[in-house]
């Protein structure tokens, strides 16, 4: 009886290990970052107004009384006019790559971005993680933007539907 129990429990352990390995290799249970970079309350760009980057070329914190959402993120705006402009054409103003760092995306990574390091390139808002990432991106904005676009497309294809 003891031998049969040892044999059965050994078989169960082997089966459990096999199931875990199969799940890991197929991506089941794998942790992936969401395609939109938001905080715990769903706020994008750390509360900065995405429209001001285009209208004034600077980073300005938004006011929670002017709020709109797009693509899984909530955005704050400095004024109702900015909110209305965003709502008229959110794809124009929303940050690229879900608000993740454009330089990191060019390297195939998803990293948080600091809204104070940015570039509006080819009509798109590109945020950077820090000054170093910003300087790296600025060495070849067109080439890095293209690489980031390619990596973003791959990442979107890897996400479960």
C-alpha atoms as a PDB file:
ATOM      1  CA  UNK A   1       0.000   0.000   0.000  1.00  0.00           C
ATOM      2  CA  UNK A   2       2.834   2.431   0.882  1.00  0.00           C
ATOM      3  CA  UNK A   3       4.544   1.811  -2.450  1.00  0.00           C
ATOM      4  CA  UNK A   4       1.340   2.498  -4.386  1.00  0.00           C
ATOM      5  CA  UNK A   5       0.814   5.771  -2.428  1.00  0.00           C
ATOM      6  CA  UNK A   6       4.409   6.915  -3.039  1.00  0.00           C
ATOM      7  CA  UNK A   7       4.054   6.088  -6.711  1.00  0.00           C
ATOM      8  CA  UNK A   8       0.728   7.936  -7.008  1.00  0.00           C
ATOM      9  CA  UNK A   9       1.961  11.040  -5.177  1.00  0.00           C
ATOM     10  CA  UNK A  10       5.121  11.099  -7.288  1.00  0.00           C
ATOM     11  CA  UNK A  11       2.995  10.909 -10.425  1.00  0.00           C
ATOM     12  CA  UNK A  12       0.797  13.776  -9.170  1.00  0.00           C
ATOM     13  CA  UNK A  13       3.854  15.939  -8.467  1.00  0.00           C
ATOM     14  CA  UNK A  14       5.211  15.232 -11.955  1.00  0.00           C
ATOM     15  CA  UNK A  15       1.861  16.081 -13.515  1.00  0.00           C
ATOM     16  CA  UNK A  16       1.654  19.334 -11.538  1.00  0.00           C
ATOM     17  CA  UNK A  17       5.135  20.352 -12.671  1.00  0.00           C
ATOM     18  CA  UNK A  18       4.228  19.518 -16.279  1.00  0.00           C
ATOM     19  CA  UNK A  19       1.060  21.646 -16.091  1.00  0.00           C
ATOM     20  CA  UNK A  20       2.983  24.601 -14.646  1.00  0.00           C
ATOM     21  CA  UNK A  21       5.673  24.341 -17.318  1.00  0.00           C
ATOM     22  CA  UNK A  22       3.090  24.120 -20.106  1.00  0.00           C
ATOM     23  CA  UNK A  23       1.221  27.134 -18.744  1.00  0.00           C
ATOM     24  CA  UNK A  24       4.411  29.164 -18.478  1.00  0.00           C
ATOM     25  CA  UNK A  25       5.545  28.324 -22.001  1.00  0.00           C
ATOM     26  CA  UNK A  26       2.154  29.127 -23.519  1.00  0.00           C
ATOM     27  CA  UNK A  27       1.979  32.498 -21.784  1.00  0.00           C
ATOM     28  CA  UNK A  28      -0.901  31.512 -19.496  1.00  0.00           C
ATOM     29  CA  UNK A  29      -0.496  33.417 -16.288  1.00  0.00           C
ATOM     30  CA  UNK A  30       2.378  35.458 -17.711  1.00  0.00           C
ATOM     31  CA  UNK A  31       2.505  38.996 -16.398  1.00  0.00           C
ATOM     32  CA  UNK A  32       2.323  41.658 -19.100  1.00  0.00           C
ATOM     33  CA  UNK A  33       1.994  45.374 -18.586  1.00  0.00           C
ATOM     34  CA  UNK A  34      -1.208  46.919 -19.879  1.00  0.00           C
ATOM     35  CA  UNK A  35      -1.040  48.915 -23.095  1.00  0.00           C
ATOM     36  CA  UNK A  36      -1.851  52.127 -21.261  1.00  0.00           C
ATOM     37  CA  UNK A  37       0.364  53.681 -18.593  1.00  0.00           C
ATOM     38  CA  UNK A  38      -1.887  54.848 -15.768  1.00  0.00           C
ATOM     39  CA  UNK A  39      -1.660  55.177 -12.017  1.00  0.00           C
ATOM     40  CA  UNK A  40      -3.849  53.350  -9.502  1.00  0.00           C
ATOM     41  CA  UNK A  41      -6.804  55.625 -10.232  1.00  0.00           C
ATOM     42  CA  UNK A  42      -6.478  55.275 -14.013  1.00  0.00           C
ATOM     43  CA  UNK A  43      -4.860  58.705 -14.481  1.00  0.00           C
ATOM     44  CA  UNK A  44      -2.634  59.074 -17.537  1.00  0.00           C
ATOM     45  CA  UNK A  45       0.445  61.293 -17.947  1.00  0.00           C
ATOM     46  CA  UNK A  46       0.577  61.746 -14.167  1.00  0.00           C
ATOM     47  CA  UNK A  47      -2.204  64.327 -14.426  1.00  0.00           C
ATOM     48  CA  UNK A  48      -0.563  66.583 -17.015  1.00  0.00           C
ATOM     49  CA  UNK A  49      -2.645  68.261 -19.728  1.00  0.00           C
ATOM     50  CA  UNK A  50      -1.883  66.564 -23.080  1.00  0.00           C
ATOM     51  CA  UNK A  51      -3.154  69.532 -25.134  1.00  0.00           C
ATOM     52  CA  UNK A  52      -0.673  72.069 -23.720  1.00  0.00           C
ATOM     53  CA  UNK A  53       2.265  70.117 -25.141  1.00  0.00           C
ATOM     54  CA  UNK A  54       0.921  71.024 -28.595  1.00  0.00           C
ATOM     55  CA  UNK A  55      -0.361  74.539 -27.942  1.00  0.00           C
ATOM     56  CA  UNK A  56       2.470  75.864 -25.755  1.00  0.00           C
ATOM     57  CA  UNK A  57       5.244  73.291 -26.047  1.00  0.00           C
ATOM     58  CA  UNK A  58       5.514  72.693 -22.319  1.00  0.00           C
ATOM     59  CA  UNK A  59       4.348  70.345 -19.574  1.00  0.00           C
ATOM     60  CA  UNK A  60       1.519  71.748 -17.461  1.00  0.00           C
ATOM     61  CA  UNK A  61      -0.369  69.918 -14.729  1.00  0.00           C
ATOM     62  CA  UNK A  62      -4.087  69.600 -15.423  1.00  0.00           C
ATOM     63  CA  UNK A  63      -6.952  70.413 -13.078  1.00  0.00           C
ATOM     64  CA  UNK A  64      -9.127  67.477 -11.924  1.00  0.00           C
ATOM     65  CA  UNK A  65     -12.258  69.571 -12.516  1.00  0.00           C
ATOM     66  CA  UNK A  66     -11.593  69.263 -16.277  1.00  0.00           C
ATOM     67  CA  UNK A  67     -11.478  65.534 -16.940  1.00  0.00           C
ATOM     68  CA  UNK A  68     -11.920  63.282 -19.940  1.00  0.00           C
ATOM     69  CA  UNK A  69     -10.978  59.711 -20.776  1.00  0.00           C
ATOM     70  CA  UNK A  70      -9.613  57.982 -23.834  1.00  0.00           C
ATOM     71  CA  UNK A  71      -8.091  54.582 -24.527  1.00  0.00           C
ATOM     72  CA  UNK A  72      -8.260  53.403 -20.925  1.00  0.00           C
ATOM     73  CA  UNK A  73      -6.729  56.527 -19.374  1.00  0.00           C
ATOM     74  CA  UNK A  74      -8.245  59.505 -17.600  1.00  0.00           C
ATOM     75  CA  UNK A  75      -6.730  62.869 -18.488  1.00  0.00           C
ATOM     76  CA  UNK A  76      -6.827  66.184 -16.628  1.00  0.00           C
ATOM     77  CA  UNK A  77      -6.814  69.517 -18.430  1.00  0.00           C
ATOM     78  CA  UNK A  78      -5.829  73.030 -17.480  1.00  0.00           C
ATOM     79  CA  UNK A  79      -9.053  74.459 -18.903  1.00  0.00           C
ATOM     80  CA  UNK A  80     -12.392  73.506 -20.371  1.00  0.00           C
ATOM     81  CA  UNK A  81     -11.125  74.681 -23.787  1.00  0.00           C
ATOM     82  CA  UNK A  82      -8.277  72.124 -23.613  1.00  0.00           C
ATOM     83  CA  UNK A  83     -10.746  69.431 -22.537  1.00  0.00           C
ATOM     84  CA  UNK A  84     -13.028  70.222 -25.492  1.00  0.00           C
ATOM     85  CA  UNK A  85     -10.095  70.240 -27.944  1.00  0.00           C
ATOM     86  CA  UNK A  86      -9.021  66.834 -26.657  1.00  0.00           C
ATOM     87  CA  UNK A  87     -12.523  65.393 -26.876  1.00  0.00           C
ATOM     88  CA  UNK A  88     -12.851  66.632 -30.457  1.00  0.00           C
ATOM     89  CA  UNK A  89      -9.735  64.671 -31.534  1.00  0.00           C
ATOM     90  CA  UNK A  90      -8.276  62.555 -28.705  1.00  0.00           C
ATOM     91  CA  UNK A  91      -5.974  60.553 -31.005  1.00  0.00           C
ATOM     92  CA  UNK A  92      -4.237  63.807 -31.956  1.00  0.00           C
ATOM     93  CA  UNK A  93      -3.396  64.749 -28.366  1.00  0.00           C
ATOM     94  CA  UNK A  94      -3.056  61.471 -26.464  1.00  0.00           C
ATOM     95  CA  UNK A  95       0.542  60.378 -25.853  1.00  0.00           C
ATOM     96  CA  UNK A  96       1.954  57.677 -28.089  1.00  0.00           C
ATOM     97  CA  UNK A  97       2.693  54.162 -26.843  1.00  0.00           C
ATOM     98  CA  UNK A  98       0.014  54.360 -24.171  1.00  0.00           C
ATOM     99  CA  UNK A  99       1.982  57.047 -22.347  1.00  0.00           C
ATOM    100  CA  UNK A 100       5.075  54.878 -21.887  1.00  0.00           C
ATOM    101  CA  UNK A 101       8.595  56.171 -22.568  1.00  0.00           C
ATOM    102  CA  UNK A 102       9.228  56.435 -26.319  1.00  0.00           C
ATOM    103  CA  UNK A 103      12.959  55.675 -25.999  1.00  0.00           C
ATOM    104  CA  UNK A 104      12.252  52.554 -23.957  1.00  0.00           C
ATOM    105  CA  UNK A 105       9.627  51.530 -26.514  1.00  0.00           C
ATOM    106  CA  UNK A 106      12.218  51.937 -29.294  1.00  0.00           C
ATOM    107  CA  UNK A 107      14.255  49.352 -27.367  1.00  0.00           C
ATOM    108  CA  UNK A 108      11.263  47.046 -26.972  1.00  0.00           C
ATOM    109  CA  UNK A 109      10.508  47.934 -23.340  1.00  0.00           C
ATOM    110  CA  UNK A 110       7.596  49.486 -21.466  1.00  0.00           C
ATOM    111  CA  UNK A 111       8.829  52.032 -18.932  1.00  0.00           C
ATOM    112  CA  UNK A 112       7.010  54.791 -17.098  1.00  0.00           C
ATOM    113  CA  UNK A 113       7.494  58.301 -18.439  1.00  0.00           C
ATOM    114  CA  UNK A 114       8.141  61.633 -16.747  1.00  0.00           C
ATOM    115  CA  UNK A 115       5.781  64.168 -18.382  1.00  0.00           C
ATOM    116  CA  UNK A 116       8.487  66.852 -18.149  1.00  0.00           C
ATOM    117  CA  UNK A 117      10.634  65.066 -20.738  1.00  0.00           C
ATOM    118  CA  UNK A 118       8.836  65.078 -24.066  1.00  0.00           C
ATOM    119  CA  UNK A 119       8.944  65.818 -27.745  1.00  0.00           C
ATOM    120  CA  UNK A 120       6.171  66.534 -30.206  1.00  0.00           C
ATOM    121  CA  UNK A 121       7.470  64.818 -33.345  1.00  0.00           C
ATOM    122  CA  UNK A 122       5.501  64.430 -36.575  1.00  0.00           C
ATOM    123  CA  UNK A 123       2.425  65.683 -34.722  1.00  0.00           C
ATOM    124  CA  UNK A 124       2.708  63.000 -31.999  1.00  0.00           C
ATOM    125  CA  UNK A 125       3.362  63.414 -28.274  1.00  0.00           C
ATOM    126  CA  UNK A 126       6.356  61.304 -27.267  1.00  0.00           C
ATOM    127  CA  UNK A 127       7.132  61.135 -23.563  1.00  0.00           C
ATOM    128  CA  UNK A 128      10.454  60.040 -22.065  1.00  0.00           C
ATOM    129  CA  UNK A 129      11.412  58.358 -18.799  1.00  0.00           C
ATOM    130  CA  UNK A 130      14.100  60.841 -17.795  1.00  0.00           C
ATOM    131  CA  UNK A 131      16.682  63.272 -19.156  1.00  0.00           C
ATOM    132  CA  UNK A 132      19.026  60.481 -20.278  1.00  0.00           C
ATOM    133  CA  UNK A 133      16.268  58.788 -22.304  1.00  0.00           C
ATOM    134  CA  UNK A 134      15.281  62.163 -23.748  1.00  0.00           C
ATOM    135  CA  UNK A 135      18.849  62.901 -24.844  1.00  0.00           C
ATOM    136  CA  UNK A 136      19.182  59.435 -26.385  1.00  0.00           C
ATOM    137  CA  UNK A 137      15.928  59.881 -28.277  1.00  0.00           C
ATOM    138  CA  UNK A 138      16.964  63.330 -29.527  1.00  0.00           C
ATOM    139  CA  UNK A 139      20.104  61.908 -31.189  1.00  0.00           C
ATOM    140  CA  UNK A 140      17.844  60.450 -33.903  1.00  0.00           C
ATOM    141  CA  UNK A 141      14.193  61.463 -33.387  1.00  0.00           C
ATOM    142  CA  UNK A 142      12.966  60.148 -36.741  1.00  0.00           C
ATOM    143  CA  UNK A 143      14.804  56.826 -36.439  1.00  0.00           C
ATOM    144  CA  UNK A 144      13.848  56.298 -32.797  1.00  0.00           C
ATOM    145  CA  UNK A 145      10.230  57.236 -33.498  1.00  0.00           C
ATOM    146  CA  UNK A 146      10.141  54.666 -36.292  1.00  0.00           C
ATOM    147  CA  UNK A 147      11.691  51.969 -34.066  1.00  0.00           C
ATOM    148  CA  UNK A 148       9.225  52.764 -31.277  1.00  0.00           C
ATOM    149  CA  UNK A 149       6.308  52.518 -33.736  1.00  0.00           C
ATOM    150  CA  UNK A 150       7.560  49.097 -34.873  1.00  0.00           C
ATOM    151  CA  UNK A 151       7.992  47.836 -31.309  1.00  0.00           C
ATOM    152  CA  UNK A 152       4.556  49.176 -30.339  1.00  0.00           C
ATOM    153  CA  UNK A 153       2.937  47.250 -33.201  1.00  0.00           C
ATOM    154  CA  UNK A 154       4.704  44.064 -32.073  1.00  0.00           C
ATOM    155  CA  UNK A 155       3.626  44.643 -28.482  1.00  0.00           C
ATOM    156  CA  UNK A 156       0.010  45.176 -29.509  1.00  0.00           C
ATOM    157  CA  UNK A 157       0.113  41.912 -31.437  1.00  0.00           C
ATOM    158  CA  UNK A 158       1.447  40.078 -28.362  1.00  0.00           C
ATOM    159  CA  UNK A 159      -1.420  41.214 -26.119  1.00  0.00           C
ATOM    160  CA  UNK A 160      -4.317  38.813 -25.522  1.00  0.00           C
ATOM    161  CA  UNK A 161      -7.576  39.974 -27.041  1.00  0.00           C
END
